[in-house]
Amino acid sequence: MRSVLLLLALAVFALGAAYEFAHRPLTLKGEVVDFTVQRGLSMRQAAAVIARAGVEVNPVWLSWLARIGGRANTIKAGSYEVHAGITPWQLVLKLSDGDVSQAEVLLVEGWTFRQVRNTLERHAELEPDTAGLSDAEILALIGASETQAEGLFFPDTYLFDKRSPVSGVLRRAYHAMQARLDQAWAERDPDSPLQSPYQALILASIVEKETGRAEDRALVASVFANRLRIGMPLQTDPTVIYGLGADFDGRLRRKHLDTDHPWNTYTRGGLPPTPIAMPGPDALRAALKPAHSDYLYFVARGDGSSEFSRSLSEHNQAVNRFIRNGGKPNGGKP
């Protein structure tokens, strides 16, 4: 009888101690502590990681608490962030629920893949697993079938678990662009001169770089569509600038327009071989559903909008009016 009472007293004491431990706020080395639980760690191993990160908790006790609470086998891998005042039980629930901390990165419409790489690989919360790889090697890493990376990634704000790899964000952006492109291609104007989704991506990237105002996109796209239909060179400056790469100093000169390369749409007909930037959804839509017009030329007015013309004589008059105010012609060498 005494032994039974002793056992009951010990059980009550143990339960009381467990409750007190579970609900007493933990001491942290700072107001916020970050740590990462790798995939495959046991609760006790994860608790050791947490303790090393600066949370004053006994790994054995935390593991024991998770076990008696039925949570020891349900912890999720990922990056976590804990704040002052958290209790051991709240910590166990956080690990079990996979309440990971997240960061974000913005990929901007009109960026080149070089800009995308620089942004991702320098992000403080991303692991630069793509550093040192060629663009083709990165595409293979994320499972893409293409060999040229330009334009294949959808511009958007991406949330990710802290310490995620760059390749993970790129993989998501790649699949996002594929989905958007497939949808836009399925809804394309039946009279479109484009022969493939990749051609649509190329034209959309040009529209993205040529338009300063959203309301002009469909008309700008119509100019290029009309030119493609009649075999007229696109004669668009952004493709020339893209082809110059690091050699471009910010000022486009006549010699640049006269120097032949694959992206020079003044010296070569049709579309360039690759996109020149990441197009956004509006540019994709405009490229595949351009306005119905008979325009063949446009010139920037200098305020972000464009003046459209049907003939070269009209275009030259528009150039004379607007170039003095900082405009840029399209459809004839300046």
Protein backbone atom coordinates (compact mmCIF):
# COMPACT_ATOMS: atom_id res chain seq x y z
CA MET A 1 0.00 0.00 0.00
CA ARG A 2 2.81 2.35 0.90
CA SER A 3 4.53 1.60 -2.37
CA VAL A 4 1.34 2.40 -4.28
CA LEU A 5 0.95 5.69 -2.47
CA LEU A 6 4.60 6.47 -3.11
CA LEU A 7 4.19 5.78 -6.80
CA LEU A 8 1.08 7.95 -6.93
CA ALA A 9 2.92 10.75 -5.14
CA LEU A 10 5.84 10.46 -7.57
CA ALA A 11 3.44 10.49 -10.53
CA VAL A 12 1.70 13.61 -9.24
CA PHE A 13 5.06 15.24 -8.64
CA ALA A 14 6.27 14.29 -12.13
CA LEU A 15 3.11 15.64 -13.72
CA GLY A 16 3.45 18.86 -11.78
CA ALA A 17 7.10 19.21 -12.77
CA ALA A 18 6.23 18.47 -16.41
CA TYR A 19 3.47 21.06 -16.40
CA GLU A 20 5.74 23.65 -14.83
CA PHE A 21 8.52 22.91 -17.35
CA ALA A 22 6.11 22.93 -20.30
CA HIS A 23 4.66 26.35 -19.48
CA ARG A 24 7.61 28.28 -18.05
CA PRO A 25 8.97 30.83 -20.60
CA LEU A 26 12.38 29.92 -21.97
CA THR A 27 15.41 32.17 -21.77
CA LEU A 28 16.77 33.27 -25.16
CA LYS A 29 20.12 34.82 -25.98
CA GLY A 30 18.23 37.68 -27.65
CA GLU A 31 14.73 38.89 -28.40
CA VAL A 32 14.62 36.59 -31.44
CA VAL A 33 16.50 33.36 -32.14
CA ASP A 34 16.66 31.71 -35.58
CA PHE A 35 17.50 28.06 -36.18
CA THR A 36 17.10 25.46 -38.90
CA VAL A 37 15.94 21.89 -38.38
CA GLN A 38 17.35 19.68 -41.10
CA ARG A 39 15.27 16.93 -42.62
CA GLY A 40 15.59 13.58 -40.84
CA LEU A 41 16.51 14.88 -37.37
CA SER A 42 14.93 13.28 -34.35
CA MET A 43 13.22 15.44 -31.74
CA ARG A 44 16.21 15.09 -29.43
CA GLN A 45 18.63 16.08 -32.22
CA ALA A 46 16.43 19.03 -33.14
CA ALA A 47 16.33 20.09 -29.49
CA ALA A 48 20.13 20.06 -29.42
CA VAL A 49 20.19 22.32 -32.50
CA ILE A 50 17.78 24.70 -30.77
CA ALA A 51 19.89 24.79 -27.62
CA ARG A 52 23.06 25.57 -29.62
CA ALA A 53 21.23 28.38 -31.43
CA GLY A 54 20.65 30.22 -28.15
CA VAL A 55 17.49 28.84 -26.56
CA GLU A 56 18.23 27.73 -23.00
CA VAL A 57 16.39 24.43 -22.97
CA ASN A 58 17.45 20.94 -21.89
CA PRO A 59 17.30 18.80 -25.06
CA VAL A 60 16.47 15.65 -23.09
CA TRP A 61 13.58 17.31 -21.30
CA LEU A 62 12.24 18.92 -24.49
CA SER A 63 12.40 15.58 -26.28
CA TRP A 64 10.63 13.91 -23.35
CA LEU A 65 7.91 16.59 -23.36
CA ALA A 66 7.32 16.07 -27.08
CA ARG A 67 7.10 12.31 -26.52
CA ILE A 68 4.52 12.44 -23.73
CA GLY A 69 2.56 15.01 -25.73
CA GLY A 70 2.45 12.70 -28.77
CA ARG A 71 4.44 15.12 -30.92
CA ALA A 72 7.92 13.59 -31.02
CA ASN A 73 7.49 11.95 -34.43
CA THR A 74 5.72 14.82 -36.18
CA ILE A 75 8.35 17.58 -36.22
CA LYS A 76 8.85 19.34 -39.56
CA ALA A 77 12.11 20.36 -41.18
CA GLY A 78 12.62 24.04 -41.97
CA SER A 79 13.80 27.38 -40.64
CA TYR A 80 12.20 28.67 -37.46
CA GLU A 81 12.09 31.92 -35.55
CA VAL A 82 11.26 32.05 -31.83
CA HIS A 83 10.64 35.14 -29.73
CA ALA A 84 11.15 35.93 -26.06
CA GLY A 85 8.35 34.49 -23.91
CA ILE A 86 7.96 31.21 -25.79
CA THR A 87 7.43 28.15 -23.60
CA PRO A 88 8.73 24.61 -24.21
CA TRP A 89 5.26 23.35 -25.11
CA GLN A 90 4.74 26.21 -27.57
CA LEU A 91 8.12 25.34 -29.07
CA VAL A 92 7.08 21.70 -29.46
CA LEU A 93 3.84 22.78 -31.15
CA LYS A 94 5.74 25.11 -33.48
CA LEU A 95 8.01 22.27 -34.59
CA SER A 96 5.13 19.83 -34.92
CA ASP A 97 2.93 22.23 -36.91
CA GLY A 98 5.79 23.26 -39.19
CA ASP A 99 5.33 26.92 -38.25
CA VAL A 100 8.47 27.92 -40.14
CA SER A 101 9.76 31.46 -40.55
CA GLN A 102 9.72 32.90 -44.03
CA ALA A 103 11.49 35.57 -46.03
CA GLU A 104 10.62 37.01 -49.41
CA VAL A 105 12.28 38.14 -52.61
CA LEU A 106 10.92 40.27 -55.45
CA LEU A 107 11.73 39.41 -59.08
CA VAL A 108 10.89 42.47 -61.17
CA GLU A 109 9.24 42.58 -64.59
CA GLY A 110 11.81 43.47 -67.22
CA TRP A 111 14.80 42.07 -65.35
CA THR A 112 17.35 39.96 -67.20
CA PHE A 113 18.41 36.59 -65.88
CA ARG A 114 21.71 38.13 -64.84
CA GLN A 115 19.81 40.51 -62.56
CA VAL A 116 17.70 37.64 -61.22
CA ARG A 117 20.80 35.61 -60.36
CA ASN A 118 22.54 38.53 -58.69
CA THR A 119 19.48 39.25 -56.55
CA LEU A 120 18.91 35.65 -55.47
CA GLU A 121 22.52 34.68 -54.91
CA ARG A 122 23.15 37.75 -52.77
CA HIS A 123 19.98 37.39 -50.70
CA ALA A 124 20.89 37.07 -47.02
CA GLU A 125 18.26 34.37 -46.38
CA LEU A 126 18.95 32.14 -49.39
CA GLU A 127 21.62 29.46 -49.81
CA PRO A 128 23.44 30.28 -53.09
CA ASP A 129 23.59 26.71 -54.40
CA THR A 130 23.70 28.07 -57.98
CA ALA A 131 26.85 30.16 -57.45
CA GLY A 132 29.53 29.18 -59.93
CA LEU A 133 27.14 27.27 -62.19
CA SER A 134 26.51 28.21 -65.80
CA ASP A 135 23.01 29.19 -66.86
CA ALA A 136 22.66 25.84 -68.64
CA GLU A 137 23.73 23.97 -65.49
CA ILE A 138 21.14 25.88 -63.46
CA LEU A 139 18.42 24.93 -65.92
CA ALA A 140 19.44 21.27 -65.63
CA LEU A 141 19.45 21.58 -61.83
CA ILE A 142 15.83 22.79 -61.72
CA GLY A 143 14.66 20.26 -64.30
CA ALA A 144 14.09 22.68 -67.20
CA SER A 145 14.39 21.34 -70.74
CA GLU A 146 15.56 24.65 -72.25
CA THR A 147 19.22 25.57 -72.73
CA GLN A 148 18.82 29.39 -72.60
CA ALA A 149 17.61 30.83 -69.27
CA GLU A 150 16.59 34.31 -70.37
CA GLY A 151 12.90 35.10 -69.89
CA LEU A 152 11.94 31.70 -68.46
CA PHE A 153 11.13 32.91 -64.93
CA PHE A 154 7.96 34.63 -63.81
CA PRO A 155 8.38 38.01 -62.11
CA ASP A 156 6.62 38.02 -58.74
CA THR A 157 7.18 38.19 -54.98
CA TYR A 158 8.24 34.76 -53.69
CA LEU A 159 7.97 33.67 -50.07
CA PHE A 160 10.37 30.96 -48.91
CA ASP A 161 11.62 29.30 -45.76
CA LYS A 162 14.80 30.95 -44.55
CA ARG A 163 17.97 29.18 -45.70
CA SER A 164 16.19 27.70 -48.70
CA PRO A 165 18.34 27.16 -51.81
CA VAL A 166 18.30 29.64 -54.69
CA SER A 167 17.46 26.76 -57.01
CA GLY A 168 14.19 26.22 -55.14
CA VAL A 169 13.01 29.77 -55.83
CA LEU A 170 14.11 29.51 -59.46
CA ARG A 171 12.25 26.23 -59.85
CA ARG A 172 9.04 27.84 -58.58
CA ALA A 173 9.50 30.89 -60.82
CA TYR A 174 10.17 28.65 -63.82
CA HIS A 175 7.02 26.58 -63.30
CA ALA A 176 5.02 29.76 -62.67
CA MET A 177 6.13 31.14 -66.04
CA GLN A 178 5.33 27.86 -67.78
CA ALA A 179 1.82 27.92 -66.34
CA ARG A 180 1.22 31.56 -67.29
CA LEU A 181 2.65 31.04 -70.76
CA ASP A 182 0.55 27.92 -71.38
CA GLN A 183 -2.59 29.77 -70.32
CA ALA A 184 -1.82 32.79 -72.50
CA TRP A 185 -0.99 30.54 -75.47
CA ALA A 186 -4.28 28.66 -75.09
CA GLU A 187 -6.16 31.98 -75.14
CA ARG A 188 -4.17 33.54 -78.02
CA ASP A 189 -5.70 35.45 -80.90
CA PRO A 190 -6.17 32.95 -83.74
CA ASP A 191 -4.67 35.51 -86.14
CA SER A 192 -1.42 35.73 -84.18
CA PRO A 193 1.69 35.42 -86.38
CA LEU A 194 3.54 33.63 -83.56
CA GLN A 195 4.31 29.98 -84.15
CA SER A 196 5.10 28.70 -80.65
CA PRO A 197 4.84 29.60 -76.96
CA TYR A 198 8.57 30.35 -76.95
CA GLN A 199 8.10 32.91 -79.73
CA ALA A 200 5.35 34.44 -77.62
CA LEU A 201 7.77 34.68 -74.70
CA ILE A 202 10.31 36.43 -76.92
CA LEU A 203 7.79 38.97 -78.21
CA ALA A 204 6.37 39.53 -74.72
CA SER A 205 9.84 40.36 -73.44
CA ILE A 206 10.22 42.99 -76.17
CA VAL A 207 6.81 44.46 -75.38
CA GLU A 208 7.81 44.56 -71.69
CA LYS A 209 10.94 46.58 -72.46
CA GLU A 210 9.28 48.88 -75.01
CA THR A 211 6.29 50.08 -73.00
CA GLY A 212 6.24 52.66 -70.26
CA ARG A 213 2.46 52.64 -69.84
CA ALA A 214 0.19 49.66 -69.44
CA GLU A 215 -2.45 51.08 -71.80
CA ASP A 216 0.06 51.10 -74.68
CA ARG A 217 1.08 47.44 -74.46
CA ALA A 218 -1.57 46.02 -76.77
CA LEU A 219 -0.88 48.66 -79.43
CA VAL A 220 2.89 48.21 -79.20
CA ALA A 221 2.34 44.48 -79.58
CA SER A 222 0.15 45.14 -82.61
CA VAL A 223 2.97 47.06 -84.30
CA PHE A 224 5.32 44.10 -83.92
CA ALA A 225 2.64 41.59 -84.93
CA ASN A 226 1.87 43.62 -88.07
CA ARG A 227 5.56 43.77 -88.96
CA LEU A 228 6.00 40.03 -88.47
CA ARG A 229 3.05 39.37 -90.78
CA ILE A 230 4.55 41.35 -93.66
CA GLY A 231 8.17 40.39 -93.07
CA MET A 232 9.24 43.86 -91.95
CA PRO A 233 12.16 44.05 -89.50
CA LEU A 234 11.10 44.76 -85.93
CA GLN A 235 13.78 47.47 -85.52
CA THR A 236 13.49 47.68 -81.75
CA ASP A 237 16.27 49.19 -79.66
CA PRO A 238 15.97 46.98 -76.55
CA THR A 239 17.00 43.90 -78.51
CA VAL A 240 20.09 45.68 -79.80
CA ILE A 241 20.98 46.81 -76.30
CA TYR A 242 20.51 43.29 -74.95
CA GLY A 243 22.85 41.90 -77.59
CA LEU A 244 25.54 44.40 -76.63
CA GLY A 245 25.51 43.08 -73.07
CA ALA A 246 28.17 44.52 -70.78
CA ASP A 247 29.56 46.58 -73.66
CA PHE A 248 26.54 48.90 -73.62
CA ASP A 249 27.44 52.15 -71.86
CA GLY A 250 23.93 53.59 -71.67
CA ARG A 251 23.93 55.41 -74.99
CA LEU A 252 22.70 53.74 -78.16
CA ARG A 253 24.60 54.95 -81.24
CA ARG A 254 24.16 54.46 -84.98
CA LYS A 255 27.15 52.12 -85.08
CA HIS A 256 25.30 49.84 -82.66
CA LEU A 257 22.29 49.68 -84.98
CA ASP A 258 24.57 48.90 -87.94
CA THR A 259 26.61 46.20 -86.19
CA ASP A 260 25.11 42.80 -86.89
CA HIS A 261 24.51 40.26 -84.11
CA PRO A 262 21.71 37.74 -83.42
CA TRP A 263 19.67 40.24 -81.36
CA ASN A 264 20.00 43.15 -83.77
CA THR A 265 16.48 43.49 -85.16
CA TYR A 266 17.63 46.27 -87.48
CA THR A 267 20.00 43.99 -89.41
CA ARG A 268 18.03 40.76 -89.04
CA GLY A 269 14.42 39.94 -89.76
CA GLY A 270 11.95 38.23 -87.48
CA LEU A 271 12.27 37.66 -83.77
CA PRO A 272 15.62 37.46 -81.96
CA PRO A 273 16.73 33.98 -80.83
CA THR A 274 15.78 34.37 -77.16
CA PRO A 275 13.75 36.63 -74.89
CA ILE A 276 15.59 39.72 -73.66
CA ALA A 277 14.02 39.96 -70.17
CA MET A 278 11.29 38.56 -67.91
CA PRO A 279 7.88 39.63 -69.20
CA GLY A 280 5.02 40.14 -66.80
CA PRO A 281 1.49 38.76 -67.29
CA ASP A 282 0.24 41.91 -69.05
CA ALA A 283 3.05 41.75 -71.61
CA LEU A 284 2.36 38.06 -72.21
CA ARG A 285 -1.31 38.82 -72.76
CA ALA A 286 -0.53 41.71 -75.11
CA ALA A 287 1.90 39.63 -77.18
CA LEU A 288 -0.72 36.93 -77.75
CA LYS A 289 -3.77 39.20 -77.90
CA PRO A 290 -2.51 42.40 -79.51
CA ALA A 291 -4.85 45.21 -80.42
CA HIS A 292 -6.28 45.07 -83.92
CA SER A 293 -4.61 47.96 -85.71
CA ASP A 294 -2.82 48.85 -88.92
CA TYR A 295 0.02 50.65 -87.14
CA LEU A 296 3.57 49.90 -88.22
CA TYR A 297 5.48 52.51 -86.21
CA PHE A 298 5.56 54.15 -82.83
CA VAL A 299 7.66 56.75 -81.09
CA ALA A 300 7.93 57.55 -77.41
CA ARG A 301 6.45 60.93 -76.54
CA GLY A 302 8.81 61.44 -73.64
CA ASP A 303 6.19 61.08 -70.91
CA GLY A 304 6.04 57.28 -70.96
CA SER A 305 3.33 57.09 -73.63
CA SER A 306 3.74 56.42 -77.36
CA GLU A 307 2.57 57.98 -80.62
CA PHE A 308 1.51 55.40 -83.23
CA SER A 309 1.67 55.81 -87.02
CA ARG A 310 0.53 53.87 -90.06
CA SER A 311 3.09 55.11 -92.59
CA LEU A 312 6.73 56.13 -92.58
CA SER A 313 5.83 59.72 -93.49
CA GLU A 314 3.47 59.95 -90.47
CA HIS A 315 6.15 58.36 -88.30
CA ASN A 316 8.79 60.83 -89.43
CA GLN A 317 6.48 63.72 -88.57
CA ALA A 318 5.90 62.20 -85.12
CA VAL A 319 9.67 61.79 -84.66
CA ASN A 320 10.19 65.44 -85.50
CA ARG A 321 7.57 66.41 -82.91
CA PHE A 322 8.66 64.18 -80.07
CA ILE A 323 12.36 63.37 -80.39
CA ARG A 324 13.24 66.90 -79.35
CA ASN A 325 11.32 66.15 -76.12
CA GLY A 326 13.25 63.00 -75.37
CA GLY A 327 11.25 60.45 -77.36
CA LYS A 328 12.64 57.34 -79.03
CA PRO A 329 11.65 56.16 -82.51
CA ASN A 330 10.75 52.66 -83.53
CA GLY A 331 10.63 51.44 -87.08
CA GLY A 332 13.39 53.44 -88.72
CA LYS A 333 16.94 54.34 -87.82
CA PRO A 334 17.25 57.72 -86.06
